[in-house]
Amino acid sequence: MTIQHWRHLWRSAPRLSRYTFHWDILKNDSFVVVTAAEARISATVPDRFIGDAKPIVVGNIASHDGFVEFTLWWQGDFPYLNIWTDITVFDPSDPSGAN
């Protein structure tokens, strides 16, 4: 497997919430990175920008067999935002370590 990416739009995403993204390539021991940016809904995919709700923070990333969980939060008086996330799963055969 090579490094794979998936881009997902979360519409009216609530602040300080847990998110679950299902993808069959994910395993419990996958190395996963999730990035996030505020989104405009338009014909451009993705239409990302840095608005007044900053920073947008992705945290508590936990990969499982078939899905990944993470949290999103941001500062400002914005209880719901449209958010683009990019989810990257690294090649499990790449050199890695664990303690």
Protein backbone atom coordinates (compact mmCIF):
# COMPACT_ATOMS: atom_id res chain seq x y z
CA MET A 1 0.00 0.00 0.00
CA THR A 2 1.19 3.52 -0.68
CA ILE A 3 0.31 6.60 1.34
CA GLN A 4 -3.38 7.36 0.77
CA HIS A 5 -5.42 10.52 1.34
CA TRP A 6 -9.13 11.25 1.65
CA ARG A 7 -10.69 14.69 1.74
CA HIS A 8 -14.01 15.06 3.59
CA LEU A 9 -16.38 18.01 4.07
CA TRP A 10 -18.16 18.20 7.43
CA ARG A 11 -21.21 20.48 7.06
CA SER A 12 -22.34 22.42 10.13
CA ALA A 13 -19.74 20.67 12.26
CA PRO A 14 -20.23 21.32 15.98
CA ARG A 15 -17.34 22.69 18.01
CA LEU A 16 -15.80 20.49 20.73
CA SER A 17 -17.13 17.25 19.26
CA ARG A 18 -15.95 13.77 18.38
CA TYR A 19 -15.90 12.84 14.68
CA THR A 20 -15.81 9.38 13.13
CA PHE A 21 -14.68 8.72 9.56
CA HIS A 22 -15.13 5.22 8.10
CA TRP A 23 -12.54 3.97 5.60
CA ASP A 24 -11.76 0.30 5.04
CA ILE A 25 -7.99 0.80 4.70
CA LEU A 26 -7.73 1.94 8.34
CA LYS A 27 -6.40 -0.49 10.92
CA ASN A 28 -5.92 -0.27 14.67
CA ASP A 29 -2.17 0.21 14.17
CA SER A 30 -2.39 2.67 11.22
CA PHE A 31 -0.34 5.85 11.27
CA VAL A 32 -2.92 8.59 10.58
CA VAL A 33 -2.71 12.38 10.27
CA VAL A 34 -5.81 14.60 10.08
CA THR A 35 -5.68 18.27 9.06
CA ALA A 36 -8.58 20.74 9.10
CA ALA A 37 -9.54 24.12 7.66
CA GLU A 38 -12.68 26.21 7.52
CA ALA A 39 -14.74 25.54 4.37
CA ARG A 40 -16.82 27.50 1.92
CA ILE A 41 -19.54 25.57 0.12
CA SER A 42 -18.82 26.21 -3.56
CA ALA A 43 -18.02 24.51 -6.85
CA THR A 44 -14.33 24.55 -5.88
CA VAL A 45 -13.27 21.38 -4.04
CA PRO A 46 -11.83 22.02 -1.57
CA ASP A 47 -12.63 25.68 -0.92
CA ARG A 48 -10.63 26.21 2.29
CA PHE A 49 -9.76 29.41 4.10
CA ILE A 50 -8.50 30.73 7.43
CA GLY A 51 -11.36 32.71 8.95
CA ASP A 52 -12.05 34.24 12.35
CA ALA A 53 -12.46 30.82 14.00
CA LYS A 54 -8.83 30.10 14.68
CA PRO A 55 -7.05 28.02 15.47
CA ILE A 56 -8.96 24.95 14.29
CA VAL A 57 -7.41 22.08 16.23
CA VAL A 58 -7.59 18.36 15.45
CA GLY A 59 -6.94 16.20 18.50
CA ASN A 60 -7.26 12.77 20.07
CA ILE A 61 -6.71 10.95 16.77
CA ALA A 62 -7.46 7.24 17.31
CA SER A 63 -7.34 4.74 14.46
CA HIS A 64 -9.41 1.53 14.60
CA ASP A 65 -10.15 -1.29 12.18
CA GLY A 66 -12.23 0.43 9.48
CA PHE A 67 -12.49 3.92 10.97
CA VAL A 68 -10.70 6.79 12.69
CA GLU A 69 -11.98 9.00 15.51
CA PHE A 70 -10.80 12.51 16.28
CA THR A 71 -11.95 15.73 17.91
CA LEU A 72 -12.27 19.23 16.44
CA TRP A 73 -12.40 22.50 18.32
CA TRP A 74 -11.82 26.17 17.60
CA GLN A 75 -11.92 29.53 19.36
CA GLY A 76 -14.51 32.19 18.78
CA ASP A 77 -18.28 32.44 19.02
CA PHE A 78 -18.92 29.96 16.20
CA PRO A 79 -20.79 26.89 17.50
CA TYR A 80 -21.03 25.33 14.00
CA LEU A 81 -18.74 25.59 10.97
CA ASN A 82 -18.24 23.89 7.64
CA ILE A 83 -14.87 22.11 7.87
CA TRP A 84 -12.69 20.37 5.30
CA THR A 85 -10.51 17.58 6.69
CA ASP A 86 -7.69 15.80 4.90
CA ILE A 87 -7.06 12.31 6.29
CA THR A 88 -3.72 10.70 5.45
CA VAL A 89 -2.90 7.04 6.11
CA PHE A 90 0.76 6.12 5.83
CA ASP A 91 2.18 2.96 4.29
CA PRO A 92 2.44 0.34 7.06
CA SER A 93 5.65 -1.03 5.49
CA ASP A 94 7.47 2.30 6.02
CA PRO A 95 10.09 2.15 8.77
CA SER A 96 8.51 2.87 12.15
CA GLY A 97 8.94 2.15 15.82
CA ALA A 98 6.90 1.75 18.98
CA ASN A 99 7.67 1.58 22.70
